[in-house]
Amino acid sequence: MKRVKAARLTAVVVRLHPEERDALRLNAGLHGMSMSEYIRQTCLGIRLRKTPEEKRRLRELARIGVNLNQIARWANTYKRAVEAVEVLTALASLEREIGAFMAAEEKTPANAEAKPCS
């Protein structure tokens, strides 16, 4: 038996500048929501859905973690000095990649965490 949702009966009117409305519409669209749903979830402190860009970055970070795990397994299996140089080179490369990833993450305005309304 399907559960019937109660209709929302109360409206709240908010006055915005056109630029604010456009930003609200853009952010709601990035999260795949209507403006009303976006406002409700943001103001009530509900975790917003991940945007496609966030999902892509999480996949990228997971790939980096897999590479790091493979290097650690290899280093534990082959502990010779000559190969240690290769491991250090690979780890330095991963460190640069993670640094670039984090720098890109910080520059993305859509990734700003929504704060609950007061």
PDB file of N, CA and C in Angstrom:
ATOM      1  N   MET A   1       0.837  -1.175   0.000  1.00  0.00           N
ATOM      2  CA  MET A   1       0.000   0.000   0.000  1.00  0.00           C
ATOM      3  C   MET A   1       0.885   1.242   0.000  1.00  0.00           C
ATOM      4  N   LYS A   2       0.586   2.159  -0.916  1.00  0.00           N
ATOM      5  CA  LYS A   2       1.383   3.375  -1.022  1.00  0.00           C
ATOM      6  C   LYS A   2       1.088   4.325   0.124  1.00  0.00           C
ATOM      7  N   ARG A   3       2.146   4.971   0.546  1.00  0.00           N
ATOM      8  CA  ARG A   3       2.008   5.970   1.606  1.00  0.00           C
ATOM      9  C   ARG A   3       1.701   7.315   0.949  1.00  0.00           C
ATOM     10  N   VAL A   4       0.684   7.981   1.418  1.00  0.00           N
ATOM     11  CA  VAL A   4       0.277   9.271   0.859  1.00  0.00           C
ATOM     12  C   VAL A   4       0.974  10.384   1.630  1.00  0.00           C
ATOM     13  N   LYS A   5       1.656  11.267   0.888  1.00  0.00           N
ATOM     14  CA  LYS A   5       2.336  12.404   1.514  1.00  0.00           C
ATOM     15  C   LYS A   5       1.323  13.486   1.844  1.00  0.00           C
ATOM     16  N   ALA A   6       1.502  14.087   2.982  1.00  0.00           N
ATOM     17  CA  ALA A   6       0.635  15.202   3.368  1.00  0.00           C
ATOM     18  C   ALA A   6       0.990  16.415   2.521  1.00  0.00           C
ATOM     19  N   ALA A   7      -0.029  17.127   2.058  1.00  0.00           N
ATOM     20  CA  ALA A   7       0.197  18.323   1.242  1.00  0.00           C
ATOM     21  C   ALA A   7       0.773  19.432   2.109  1.00  0.00           C
ATOM     22  N   ARG A   8       1.648  20.218   1.518  1.00  0.00           N
ATOM     23  CA  ARG A   8       2.200  21.372   2.223  1.00  0.00           C
ATOM     24  C   ARG A   8       1.203  22.517   2.087  1.00  0.00           C
ATOM     25  N   LEU A   9       0.761  23.038   3.190  1.00  0.00           N
ATOM     26  CA  LEU A   9      -0.294  24.040   3.174  1.00  0.00           C
ATOM     27  C   LEU A   9       0.181  25.443   3.500  1.00  0.00           C
ATOM     28  N   THR A  10       1.384  25.587   4.045  1.00  0.00           N
ATOM     29  CA  THR A  10       1.881  26.885   4.479  1.00  0.00           C
ATOM     30  C   THR A  10       2.902  27.407   3.486  1.00  0.00           C
ATOM     31  N   ALA A  11       2.772  28.672   3.126  1.00  0.00           N
ATOM     32  CA  ALA A  11       3.713  29.307   2.203  1.00  0.00           C
ATOM     33  C   ALA A  11       4.504  30.379   2.946  1.00  0.00           C
ATOM     34  N   VAL A  12       5.760  30.528   2.568  1.00  0.00           N
ATOM     35  CA  VAL A  12       6.617  31.583   3.111  1.00  0.00           C
ATOM     36  C   VAL A  12       7.090  32.414   1.922  1.00  0.00           C
ATOM     37  N   VAL A  13       6.892  33.704   1.988  1.00  0.00           N
ATOM     38  CA  VAL A  13       7.291  34.590   0.897  1.00  0.00           C
ATOM     39  C   VAL A  13       8.636  35.208   1.254  1.00  0.00           C
ATOM     40  N   VAL A  14       9.574  35.124   0.329  1.00  0.00           N
ATOM     41  CA  VAL A  14      10.908  35.679   0.527  1.00  0.00           C
ATOM     42  C   VAL A  14      11.183  36.630  -0.626  1.00  0.00           C
ATOM     43  N   ARG A  15      11.612  37.813  -0.311  1.00  0.00           N
ATOM     44  CA  ARG A  15      11.929  38.792  -1.353  1.00  0.00           C
ATOM     45  C   ARG A  15      13.431  38.723  -1.645  1.00  0.00           C
ATOM     46  N   LEU A  16      13.738  38.627  -2.928  1.00  0.00           N
ATOM     47  CA  LEU A  16      15.124  38.502  -3.366  1.00  0.00           C
ATOM     48  C   LEU A  16      15.415  39.498  -4.476  1.00  0.00           C
ATOM     49  N   HIS A  17      16.671  39.846  -4.613  1.00  0.00           N
ATOM     50  CA  HIS A  17      17.115  40.585  -5.787  1.00  0.00           C
ATOM     51  C   HIS A  17      17.149  39.589  -6.946  1.00  0.00           C
ATOM     52  N   PRO A  18      17.028  40.057  -8.182  1.00  0.00           N
ATOM     53  CA  PRO A  18      17.074  39.131  -9.329  1.00  0.00           C
ATOM     54  C   PRO A  18      18.351  38.277  -9.357  1.00  0.00           C
ATOM     55  N   GLU A  19      19.483  38.861  -8.947  1.00  0.00           N
ATOM     56  CA  GLU A  19      20.737  38.103  -8.940  1.00  0.00           C
ATOM     57  C   GLU A  19      20.690  36.977  -7.905  1.00  0.00           C
ATOM     58  N   GLU A  20      20.071  37.267  -6.760  1.00  0.00           N
ATOM     59  CA  GLU A  20      19.948  36.246  -5.721  1.00  0.00           C
ATOM     60  C   GLU A  20      19.051  35.105  -6.197  1.00  0.00           C
ATOM     61  N   ARG A  21      17.940  35.463  -6.855  1.00  0.00           N
ATOM     62  CA  ARG A  21      17.039  34.442  -7.381  1.00  0.00           C
ATOM     63  C   ARG A  21      17.756  33.576  -8.418  1.00  0.00           C
ATOM     64  N   ASP A  22      18.562  34.214  -9.292  1.00  0.00           N
ATOM     65  CA  ASP A  22      19.300  33.464 -10.308  1.00  0.00           C
ATOM     66  C   ASP A  22      20.302  32.510  -9.663  1.00  0.00           C
ATOM     67  N   ALA A  23      20.992  32.984  -8.615  1.00  0.00           N
ATOM     68  CA  ALA A  23      21.946  32.120  -7.913  1.00  0.00           C
ATOM     69  C   ALA A  23      21.228  30.958  -7.238  1.00  0.00           C
ATOM     70  N   LEU A  24      20.076  31.241  -6.663  1.00  0.00           N
ATOM     71  CA  LEU A  24      19.278  30.199  -6.022  1.00  0.00           C
ATOM     72  C   LEU A  24      18.824  29.162  -7.043  1.00  0.00           C
ATOM     73  N   ARG A  25      18.335  29.632  -8.174  1.00  0.00           N
ATOM     74  CA  ARG A  25      17.888  28.738  -9.241  1.00  0.00           C
ATOM     75  C   ARG A  25      19.057  27.877  -9.750  1.00  0.00           C
ATOM     76  N   LEU A  26      20.235  28.497  -9.908  1.00  0.00           N
ATOM     77  CA  LEU A  26      21.415  27.767 -10.380  1.00  0.00           C
ATOM     78  C   LEU A  26      21.819  26.686  -9.387  1.00  0.00           C
ATOM     79  N   ASN A  27      21.906  27.052  -8.109  1.00  0.00           N
ATOM     80  CA  ASN A  27      22.301  26.072  -7.086  1.00  0.00           C
ATOM     81  C   ASN A  27      21.290  24.939  -6.978  1.00  0.00           C
ATOM     82  N   ALA A  28      20.015  25.264  -7.053  1.00  0.00           N
ATOM     83  CA  ALA A  28      18.980  24.225  -6.998  1.00  0.00           C
ATOM     84  C   ALA A  28      19.127  23.292  -8.200  1.00  0.00           C
ATOM     85  N   GLY A  29      19.355  23.865  -9.361  1.00  0.00           N
ATOM     86  CA  GLY A  29      19.528  23.057 -10.574  1.00  0.00           C
ATOM     87  C   GLY A  29      20.749  22.156 -10.502  1.00  0.00           C
ATOM     88  N   LEU A  30      21.842  22.668  -9.919  1.00  0.00           N
ATOM     89  CA  LEU A  30      23.053  21.852  -9.776  1.00  0.00           C
ATOM     90  C   LEU A  30      22.800  20.622  -8.909  1.00  0.00           C
ATOM     91  N   HIS A  31      21.884  20.757  -7.965  1.00  0.00           N
ATOM     92  CA  HIS A  31      21.562  19.645  -7.073  1.00  0.00           C
ATOM     93  C   HIS A  31      20.356  18.849  -7.562  1.00  0.00           C
ATOM     94  N   GLY A  32      19.821  19.217  -8.735  1.00  0.00           N
ATOM     95  CA  GLY A  32      18.700  18.489  -9.302  1.00  0.00           C
ATOM     96  C   GLY A  32      17.409  18.666  -8.516  1.00  0.00           C
ATOM     97  N   MET A  33      17.205  19.861  -7.982  1.00  0.00           N
ATOM     98  CA  MET A  33      16.026  20.126  -7.162  1.00  0.00           C
ATOM     99  C   MET A  33      15.299  21.366  -7.661  1.00  0.00           C
ATOM    100  N   SER A  34      14.034  21.479  -7.242  1.00  0.00           N
ATOM    101  CA  SER A  34      13.311  22.731  -7.468  1.00  0.00           C
ATOM    102  C   SER A  34      13.852  23.742  -6.462  1.00  0.00           C
ATOM    103  N   MET A  35      13.569  25.008  -6.698  1.00  0.00           N
ATOM    104  CA  MET A  35      14.026  26.030  -5.754  1.00  0.00           C
ATOM    105  C   MET A  35      13.392  25.812  -4.382  1.00  0.00           C
ATOM    106  N   SER A  36      12.111  25.448  -4.346  1.00  0.00           N
ATOM    107  CA  SER A  36      11.437  25.216  -3.068  1.00  0.00           C
ATOM    108  C   SER A  36      12.095  24.089  -2.288  1.00  0.00           C
ATOM    109  N   GLU A  37      12.364  22.980  -2.974  1.00  0.00           N
ATOM    110  CA  GLU A  37      12.980  21.832  -2.300  1.00  0.00           C
ATOM    111  C   GLU A  37      14.391  22.185  -1.825  1.00  0.00           C
ATOM    112  N   TYR A  38      15.135  22.923  -2.648  1.00  0.00           N
ATOM    113  CA  TYR A  38      16.490  23.337  -2.277  1.00  0.00           C
ATOM    114  C   TYR A  38      16.456  24.211  -1.022  1.00  0.00           C
ATOM    115  N   ILE A  39      15.540  25.172  -0.976  1.00  0.00           N
ATOM    116  CA  ILE A  39      15.430  26.060   0.195  1.00  0.00           C
ATOM    117  C   ILE A  39      15.042  25.254   1.427  1.00  0.00           C
ATOM    118  N   ARG A  40      14.064  24.352   1.294  1.00  0.00           N
ATOM    119  CA  ARG A  40      13.634  23.543   2.437  1.00  0.00           C
ATOM    120  C   ARG A  40      14.797  22.723   2.982  1.00  0.00           C
ATOM    121  N   GLN A  41      15.490  22.019   2.097  1.00  0.00           N
ATOM    122  CA  GLN A  41      16.572  21.144   2.565  1.00  0.00           C
ATOM    123  C   GLN A  41      17.733  21.939   3.143  1.00  0.00           C
ATOM    124  N   THR A  42      18.065  23.064   2.523  1.00  0.00           N
ATOM    125  CA  THR A  42      19.170  23.882   3.020  1.00  0.00           C
ATOM    126  C   THR A  42      18.835  24.481   4.379  1.00  0.00           C
ATOM    127  N   CYS A  43      17.646  25.047   4.510  1.00  0.00           N
ATOM    128  CA  CYS A  43      17.263  25.700   5.769  1.00  0.00           C
ATOM    129  C   CYS A  43      17.025  24.706   6.895  1.00  0.00           C
ATOM    130  N   LEU A  44      16.616  23.506   6.571  1.00  0.00           N
ATOM    131  CA  LEU A  44      16.377  22.499   7.603  1.00  0.00           C
ATOM    132  C   LEU A  44      17.635  21.695   7.923  1.00  0.00           C
ATOM    133  N   GLY A  45      18.747  22.007   7.232  1.00  0.00           N
ATOM    134  CA  GLY A  45      20.016  21.341   7.522  1.00  0.00           C
ATOM    135  C   GLY A  45      20.103  19.924   6.987  1.00  0.00           C
ATOM    136  N   ILE A  46      19.283  19.596   5.997  1.00  0.00           N
ATOM    137  CA  ILE A  46      19.315  18.261   5.394  1.00  0.00           C
ATOM    138  C   ILE A  46      20.458  18.225   4.394  1.00  0.00           C
ATOM    139  N   ARG A  47      21.214  17.130   4.390  1.00  0.00           N
ATOM    140  CA  ARG A  47      22.348  16.983   3.471  1.00  0.00           C
ATOM    141  C   ARG A  47      21.856  17.007   2.032  1.00  0.00           C
ATOM    142  N   LEU A  48      22.431  17.897   1.227  1.00  0.00           N
ATOM    143  CA  LEU A  48      22.041  18.013  -0.171  1.00  0.00           C
ATOM    144  C   LEU A  48      22.647  16.879  -0.987  1.00  0.00           C
ATOM    145  N   ARG A  49      21.977  16.531  -2.063  1.00  0.00           N
ATOM    146  CA  ARG A  49      22.497  15.496  -2.969  1.00  0.00           C
ATOM    147  C   ARG A  49      23.806  15.965  -3.578  1.00  0.00           C
ATOM    148  N   LYS A  50      24.623  14.997  -3.940  1.00  0.00           N
ATOM    149  CA  LYS A  50      25.892  15.335  -4.575  1.00  0.00           C
ATOM    150  C   LYS A  50      25.643  15.771  -6.016  1.00  0.00           C
ATOM    151  N   THR A  51      26.374  16.803  -6.436  1.00  0.00           N
ATOM    152  CA  THR A  51      26.282  17.249  -7.823  1.00  0.00           C
ATOM    153  C   THR A  51      27.109  16.300  -8.685  1.00  0.00           C
ATOM    154  N   PRO A  52      26.892  16.300  -9.999  1.00  0.00           N
ATOM    155  CA  PRO A  52      27.712  15.459 -10.879  1.00  0.00           C
ATOM    156  C   PRO A  52      29.204  15.745 -10.731  1.00  0.00           C
ATOM    157  N   GLU A  53      29.563  17.014 -10.497  1.00  0.00           N
ATOM    158  CA  GLU A  53      30.974  17.366 -10.319  1.00  0.00           C
ATOM    159  C   GLU A  53      31.524  16.753  -9.042  1.00  0.00           C
ATOM    160  N   GLU A  54      30.758  16.773  -7.953  1.00  0.00           N
ATOM    161  CA  GLU A  54      31.205  16.145  -6.709  1.00  0.00           C
ATOM    162  C   GLU A  54      31.381  14.642  -6.896  1.00  0.00           C
ATOM    163  N   LYS A  55      30.452  14.018  -7.608  1.00  0.00           N
ATOM    164  CA  LYS A  55      30.553  12.576  -7.866  1.00  0.00           C
ATOM    165  C   LYS A  55      31.807  12.258  -8.666  1.00  0.00           C
ATOM    166  N   ARG A  56      32.105  13.103  -9.682  1.00  0.00           N
ATOM    167  CA  ARG A  56      33.301  12.891 -10.498  1.00  0.00           C
ATOM    168  C   ARG A  56      34.563  13.004  -9.642  1.00  0.00           C
ATOM    169  N   ARG A  57      34.594  13.994  -8.758  1.00  0.00           N
ATOM    170  CA  ARG A  57      35.766  14.184  -7.901  1.00  0.00           C
ATOM    171  C   ARG A  57      35.930  13.042  -6.911  1.00  0.00           C
ATOM    172  N   LEU A  58      34.841  12.533  -6.388  1.00  0.00           N
ATOM    173  CA  LEU A  58      34.923  11.391  -5.469  1.00  0.00           C
ATOM    174  C   LEU A  58      35.455  10.153  -6.184  1.00  0.00           C
ATOM    175  N   ARG A  59      35.008   9.945  -7.439  1.00  0.00           N
ATOM    176  CA  ARG A  59      35.544   8.812  -8.217  1.00  0.00           C
ATOM    177  C   ARG A  59      37.040   8.974  -8.448  1.00  0.00           C
ATOM    178  N   GLU A  60      37.458  10.203  -8.768  1.00  0.00           N
ATOM    179  CA  GLU A  60      38.880  10.484  -8.994  1.00  0.00           C
ATOM    180  C   GLU A  60      39.686  10.215  -7.722  1.00  0.00           C
ATOM    181  N   LEU A  61      39.180  10.658  -6.600  1.00  0.00           N
ATOM    182  CA  LEU A  61      39.865  10.440  -5.332  1.00  0.00           C
ATOM    183  C   LEU A  61      39.935   8.944  -5.007  1.00  0.00           C
ATOM    184  N   ALA A  62      38.874   8.209  -5.314  1.00  0.00           N
ATOM    185  CA  ALA A  62      38.876   6.756  -5.088  1.00  0.00           C
ATOM    186  C   ALA A  62      39.933   6.083  -5.962  1.00  0.00           C
ATOM    187  N   ARG A  63      40.079   6.538  -7.213  1.00  0.00           N
ATOM    188  CA  ARG A  63      41.110   5.966  -8.097  1.00  0.00           C
ATOM    189  C   ARG A  63      42.504   6.215  -7.535  1.00  0.00           C
ATOM    190  N   ILE A  64      42.723   7.415  -7.004  1.00  0.00           N
ATOM    191  CA  ILE A  64      44.023   7.735  -6.410  1.00  0.00           C
ATOM    192  C   ILE A  64      44.277   6.818  -5.215  1.00  0.00           C
ATOM    193  N   GLY A  65      43.248   6.583  -4.393  1.00  0.00           N
ATOM    194  CA  GLY A  65      43.393   5.688  -3.246  1.00  0.00           C
ATOM    195  C   GLY A  65      43.727   4.268  -3.658  1.00  0.00           C
ATOM    196  N   VAL A  66      43.113   3.800  -4.747  1.00  0.00           N
ATOM    197  CA  VAL A  66      43.410   2.451  -5.250  1.00  0.00           C
ATOM    198  C   VAL A  66      44.870   2.379  -5.690  1.00  0.00           C
ATOM    199  N   ASN A  67      45.324   3.406  -6.405  1.00  0.00           N
ATOM    200  CA  ASN A  67      46.731   3.429  -6.839  1.00  0.00           C
ATOM    201  C   ASN A  67      47.678   3.398  -5.642  1.00  0.00           C
ATOM    202  N   LEU A  68      47.351   4.165  -4.628  1.00  0.00           N
ATOM    203  CA  LEU A  68      48.186   4.202  -3.429  1.00  0.00           C
ATOM    204  C   LEU A  68      48.222   2.842  -2.747  1.00  0.00           C
ATOM    205  N   ASN A  69      47.095   2.181  -2.684  1.00  0.00           N
ATOM    206  CA  ASN A  69      47.029   0.844  -2.082  1.00  0.00           C
ATOM    207  C   ASN A  69      47.867  -0.161  -2.878  1.00  0.00           C
ATOM    208  N   GLN A  70      47.823  -0.077  -4.203  1.00  0.00           N
ATOM    209  CA  GLN A  70      48.628  -0.971  -5.040  1.00  0.00           C
ATOM    210  C   GLN A  70      50.115  -0.735  -4.823  1.00  0.00           C
ATOM    211  N   ILE A  71      50.498   0.527  -4.683  1.00  0.00           N
ATOM    212  CA  ILE A  71      51.913   0.841  -4.440  1.00  0.00           C
ATOM    213  C   ILE A  71      52.343   0.310  -3.073  1.00  0.00           C
ATOM    214  N   ALA A  72      51.497   0.483  -2.059  1.00  0.00           N
ATOM    215  CA  ALA A  72      51.837  -0.009  -0.718  1.00  0.00           C
ATOM    216  C   ALA A  72      51.974  -1.533  -0.721  1.00  0.00           C
ATOM    217  N   ARG A  73      51.084  -2.221  -1.412  1.00  0.00           N
ATOM    218  CA  ARG A  73      51.163  -3.683  -1.495  1.00  0.00           C
ATOM    219  C   ARG A  73      52.454  -4.106  -2.200  1.00  0.00           C
ATOM    220  N   TRP A  74      52.767  -3.402  -3.297  1.00  0.00           N
ATOM    221  CA  TRP A  74      53.986  -3.717  -4.037  1.00  0.00           C
ATOM    222  C   TRP A  74      55.214  -3.478  -3.153  1.00  0.00           C
ATOM    223  N   ALA A  75      55.230  -2.365  -2.412  1.00  0.00           N
ATOM    224  CA  ALA A  75      56.378  -2.025  -1.560  1.00  0.00           C
ATOM    225  C   ALA A  75      56.560  -3.057  -0.459  1.00  0.00           C
ATOM    226  N   ASN A  76      55.476  -3.595   0.063  1.00  0.00           N
ATOM    227  CA  ASN A  76      55.584  -4.623   1.103  1.00  0.00           C
ATOM    228  C   ASN A  76      56.052  -5.958   0.539  1.00  0.00           C
ATOM    229  N   THR A  77      55.784  -6.186  -0.735  1.00  0.00           N
ATOM    230  CA  THR A  77      56.190  -7.447  -1.362  1.00  0.00           C
ATOM    231  C   THR A  77      57.652  -7.395  -1.807  1.00  0.00           C
ATOM    232  N   TYR A  78      58.059  -6.302  -2.440  1.00  0.00           N
ATOM    233  CA  TYR A  78      59.415  -6.159  -2.984  1.00  0.00           C
ATOM    234  C   TYR A  78      60.136  -5.062  -2.209  1.00  0.00           C
ATOM    235  N   LYS A  79      60.999  -5.454  -1.293  1.00  0.00           N
ATOM    236  CA  LYS A  79      61.628  -4.469  -0.399  1.00  0.00           C
ATOM    237  C   LYS A  79      63.095  -4.195  -0.743  1.00  0.00           C
ATOM    238  N   ARG A  80      63.424  -4.261  -2.012  1.00  0.00           N
ATOM    239  CA  ARG A  80      64.806  -3.987  -2.399  1.00  0.00           C
ATOM    240  C   ARG A  80      65.046  -2.493  -2.576  1.00  0.00           C
ATOM    241  N   ALA A  81      66.281  -2.047  -2.374  1.00  0.00           N
ATOM    242  CA  ALA A  81      66.629  -0.624  -2.388  1.00  0.00           C
ATOM    243  C   ALA A  81      66.404   0.029  -3.747  1.00  0.00           C
ATOM    244  N   VAL A  82      66.733  -0.679  -4.834  1.00  0.00           N
ATOM    245  CA  VAL A  82      66.577  -0.099  -6.171  1.00  0.00           C
ATOM    246  C   VAL A  82      65.107   0.186  -6.444  1.00  0.00           C
ATOM    247  N   GLU A  83      64.257  -0.720  -6.027  1.00  0.00           N
ATOM    248  CA  GLU A  83      62.821  -0.547  -6.265  1.00  0.00           C
ATOM    249  C   GLU A  83      62.224   0.507  -5.329  1.00  0.00           C
ATOM    250  N   ALA A  84      62.871   0.752  -4.214  1.00  0.00           N
ATOM    251  CA  ALA A  84      62.380   1.766  -3.285  1.00  0.00           C
ATOM    252  C   ALA A  84      62.380   3.143  -3.938  1.00  0.00           C
ATOM    253  N   VAL A  85      63.345   3.404  -4.806  1.00  0.00           N
ATOM    254  CA  VAL A  85      63.401   4.674  -5.529  1.00  0.00           C
ATOM    255  C   VAL A  85      62.161   4.813  -6.413  1.00  0.00           C
ATOM    256  N   GLU A  86      61.767   3.728  -7.070  1.00  0.00           N
ATOM    257  CA  GLU A  86      60.565   3.745  -7.915  1.00  0.00           C
ATOM    258  C   GLU A  86      59.322   4.024  -7.068  1.00  0.00           C
ATOM    259  N   VAL A  87      59.275   3.424  -5.896  1.00  0.00           N
ATOM    260  CA  VAL A  87      58.130   3.631  -5.002  1.00  0.00           C
ATOM    261  C   VAL A  87      58.072   5.091  -4.566  1.00  0.00           C
ATOM    262  N   LEU A  88      59.208   5.656  -4.175  1.00  0.00           N
ATOM    263  CA  LEU A  88      59.233   7.049  -3.758  1.00  0.00           C
ATOM    264  C   LEU A  88      58.826   7.985  -4.895  1.00  0.00           C
ATOM    265  N   THR A  89      59.244   7.676  -6.111  1.00  0.00           N
ATOM    266  CA  THR A  89      58.859   8.477  -7.273  1.00  0.00           C
ATOM    267  C   THR A  89      57.353   8.410  -7.491  1.00  0.00           C
ATOM    268  N   ALA A  90      56.800   7.210  -7.387  1.00  0.00           N
ATOM    269  CA  ALA A  90      55.352   7.045  -7.557  1.00  0.00           C
ATOM    270  C   ALA A  90      54.591   7.767  -6.456  1.00  0.00           C
ATOM    271  N   LEU A  91      55.071   7.695  -5.232  1.00  0.00           N
ATOM    272  CA  LEU A  91      54.405   8.380  -4.122  1.00  0.00           C
ATOM    273  C   LEU A  91      54.471   9.894  -4.290  1.00  0.00           C
ATOM    274  N   ALA A  92      55.593  10.402  -4.771  1.00  0.00           N
ATOM    275  CA  ALA A  92      55.712  11.844  -5.016  1.00  0.00           C
ATOM    276  C   ALA A  92      54.733  12.273  -6.099  1.00  0.00           C
ATOM    277  N   SER A  93      54.573  11.435  -7.116  1.00  0.00           N
ATOM    278  CA  SER A  93      53.616  11.723  -8.174  1.00  0.00           C
ATOM    279  C   SER A  93      52.192  11.756  -7.620  1.00  0.00           C
ATOM    280  N   LEU A  94      51.873  10.801  -6.763  1.00  0.00           N
ATOM    281  CA  LEU A  94      50.538  10.773  -6.141  1.00  0.00           C
ATOM    282  C   LEU A  94      50.322  11.993  -5.253  1.00  0.00           C
ATOM    283  N   GLU A  95      51.359  12.392  -4.546  1.00  0.00           N
ATOM    284  CA  GLU A  95      51.245  13.564  -3.680  1.00  0.00           C
ATOM    285  C   GLU A  95      50.933  14.809  -4.506  1.00  0.00           C
ATOM    286  N   ARG A  96      51.588  14.960  -5.658  1.00  0.00           N
ATOM    287  CA  ARG A  96      51.319  16.098  -6.539  1.00  0.00           C
ATOM    288  C   ARG A  96      49.886  16.036  -7.065  1.00  0.00           C
ATOM    289  N   GLU A  97      49.447  14.838  -7.441  1.00  0.00           N
ATOM    290  CA  GLU A  97      48.106  14.654  -7.974  1.00  0.00           C
ATOM    291  C   GLU A  97      47.037  14.994  -6.925  1.00  0.00           C
ATOM    292  N   ILE A  98      47.250  14.549  -5.703  1.00  0.00           N
ATOM    293  CA  ILE A  98      46.310  14.859  -4.630  1.00  0.00           C
ATOM    294  C   ILE A  98      46.313  16.355  -4.340  1.00  0.00           C
ATOM    295  N   GLY A  99      47.491  16.981  -4.361  1.00  0.00           N
ATOM    296  CA  GLY A  99      47.579  18.428  -4.148  1.00  0.00           C
ATOM    297  C   GLY A  99      46.822  19.199  -5.219  1.00  0.00           C
ATOM    298  N   ALA A 100      46.957  18.784  -6.476  1.00  0.00           N
ATOM    299  CA  ALA A 100      46.228  19.438  -7.567  1.00  0.00           C
ATOM    300  C   ALA A 100      44.728  19.228  -7.409  1.00  0.00           C
ATOM    301  N   PHE A 101      44.348  18.041  -6.994  1.00  0.00           N
ATOM    302  CA  PHE A 101      42.936  17.723  -6.771  1.00  0.00           C
ATOM    303  C   PHE A 101      42.353  18.609  -5.678  1.00  0.00           C
ATOM    304  N   MET A 102      43.062  18.740  -4.574  1.00  0.00           N
ATOM    305  CA  MET A 102      42.586  19.540  -3.453  1.00  0.00           C
ATOM    306  C   MET A 102      42.536  21.024  -3.824  1.00  0.00           C
ATOM    307  N   ALA A 103      43.506  21.501  -4.605  1.00  0.00           N
ATOM    308  CA  ALA A 103      43.508  22.899  -5.028  1.00  0.00           C
ATOM    309  C   ALA A 103      42.297  23.181  -5.914  1.00  0.00           C
ATOM    310  N   ALA A 104      41.975  22.257  -6.810  1.00  0.00           N
ATOM    311  CA  ALA A 104      40.802  22.427  -7.670  1.00  0.00           C
ATOM    312  C   ALA A 104      39.528  22.400  -6.843  1.00  0.00           C
ATOM    313  N   GLU A 105      39.510  21.575  -5.821  1.00  0.00           N
ATOM    314  CA  GLU A 105      38.344  21.459  -4.936  1.00  0.00           C
ATOM    315  C   GLU A 105      38.090  22.775  -4.201  1.00  0.00           C
ATOM    316  N   GLU A 106      39.157  23.423  -3.747  1.00  0.00           N
ATOM    317  CA  GLU A 106      39.023  24.673  -2.995  1.00  0.00           C
ATOM    318  C   GLU A 106      38.559  25.818  -3.873  1.00  0.00           C
ATOM    319  N   LYS A 107      38.880  25.788  -5.167  1.00  0.00           N
ATOM    320  CA  LYS A 107      38.533  26.881  -6.071  1.00  0.00           C
ATOM    321  C   LYS A 107      37.108  26.797  -6.580  1.00  0.00           C
ATOM    322  N   THR A 108      36.420  25.673  -6.362  1.00  0.00           N
ATOM    323  CA  THR A 108      35.083  25.475  -6.904  1.00  0.00           C
ATOM    324  C   THR A 108      34.037  26.089  -5.996  1.00  0.00           C
ATOM    325  N   PRO A 109      33.323  27.154  -6.476  1.00  0.00           N
ATOM    326  CA  PRO A 109      32.311  27.796  -5.630  1.00  0.00           C
ATOM    327  C   PRO A 109      31.100  26.899  -5.388  1.00  0.00           C
ATOM    328  N   ALA A 110      30.772  26.002  -6.316  1.00  0.00           N
ATOM    329  CA  ALA A 110      29.599  25.122  -6.145  1.00  0.00           C
ATOM    330  C   ALA A 110      29.822  24.119  -5.027  1.00  0.00           C
ATOM    331  N   ASN A 111      31.065  23.975  -4.601  1.00  0.00           N
ATOM    332  CA  ASN A 111      31.365  22.999  -3.557  1.00  0.00           C
ATOM    333  C   ASN A 111      31.257  23.603  -2.167  1.00  0.00           C
ATOM    334  N   ALA A 112      30.908  24.870  -2.092  1.00  0.00           N
ATOM    335  CA  ALA A 112      30.763  25.501  -0.773  1.00  0.00           C
ATOM    336  C   ALA A 112      29.640  24.795  -0.019  1.00  0.00           C
ATOM    337  N   GLU A 113      29.927  24.470   1.208  1.00  0.00           N
ATOM    338  CA  GLU A 113      28.957  23.738   2.034  1.00  0.00           C
ATOM    339  C   GLU A 113      27.813  24.666   2.402  1.00  0.00           C
ATOM    340  N   ALA A 114      26.597  24.200   2.168  1.00  0.00           N
ATOM    341  CA  ALA A 114      25.410  24.994   2.533  1.00  0.00           C
ATOM    342  C   ALA A 114      25.263  25.034   4.039  1.00  0.00           C
ATOM    343  N   LYS A 115      24.974  26.223   4.553  1.00  0.00           N
ATOM    344  CA  LYS A 115      24.801  26.376   6.004  1.00  0.00           C
ATOM    345  C   LYS A 115      23.317  26.488   6.291  1.00  0.00           C
ATOM    346  N   PRO A 116      22.860  25.862   7.372  1.00  0.00           N
ATOM    347  CA  PRO A 116      21.431  25.947   7.727  1.00  0.00           C
ATOM    348  C   PRO A 116      21.029  27.388   7.985  1.00  0.00           C
ATOM    349  N   CYS A 117      19.776  27.710   7.635  1.00  0.00           N
ATOM    350  CA  CYS A 117      19.230  29.052   7.886  1.00  0.00           C
ATOM    351  C   CYS A 117      19.053  29.250   9.376  1.00  0.00           C
ATOM    352  N   SER A 118      19.196  30.495   9.813  1.00  0.00           N
ATOM    353  CA  SER A 118      18.987  30.744  11.240  1.00  0.00           C
ATOM    354  C   SER A 118      17.641  31.367  11.498  1.00  0.00           C
TER     355      SER A 118
END
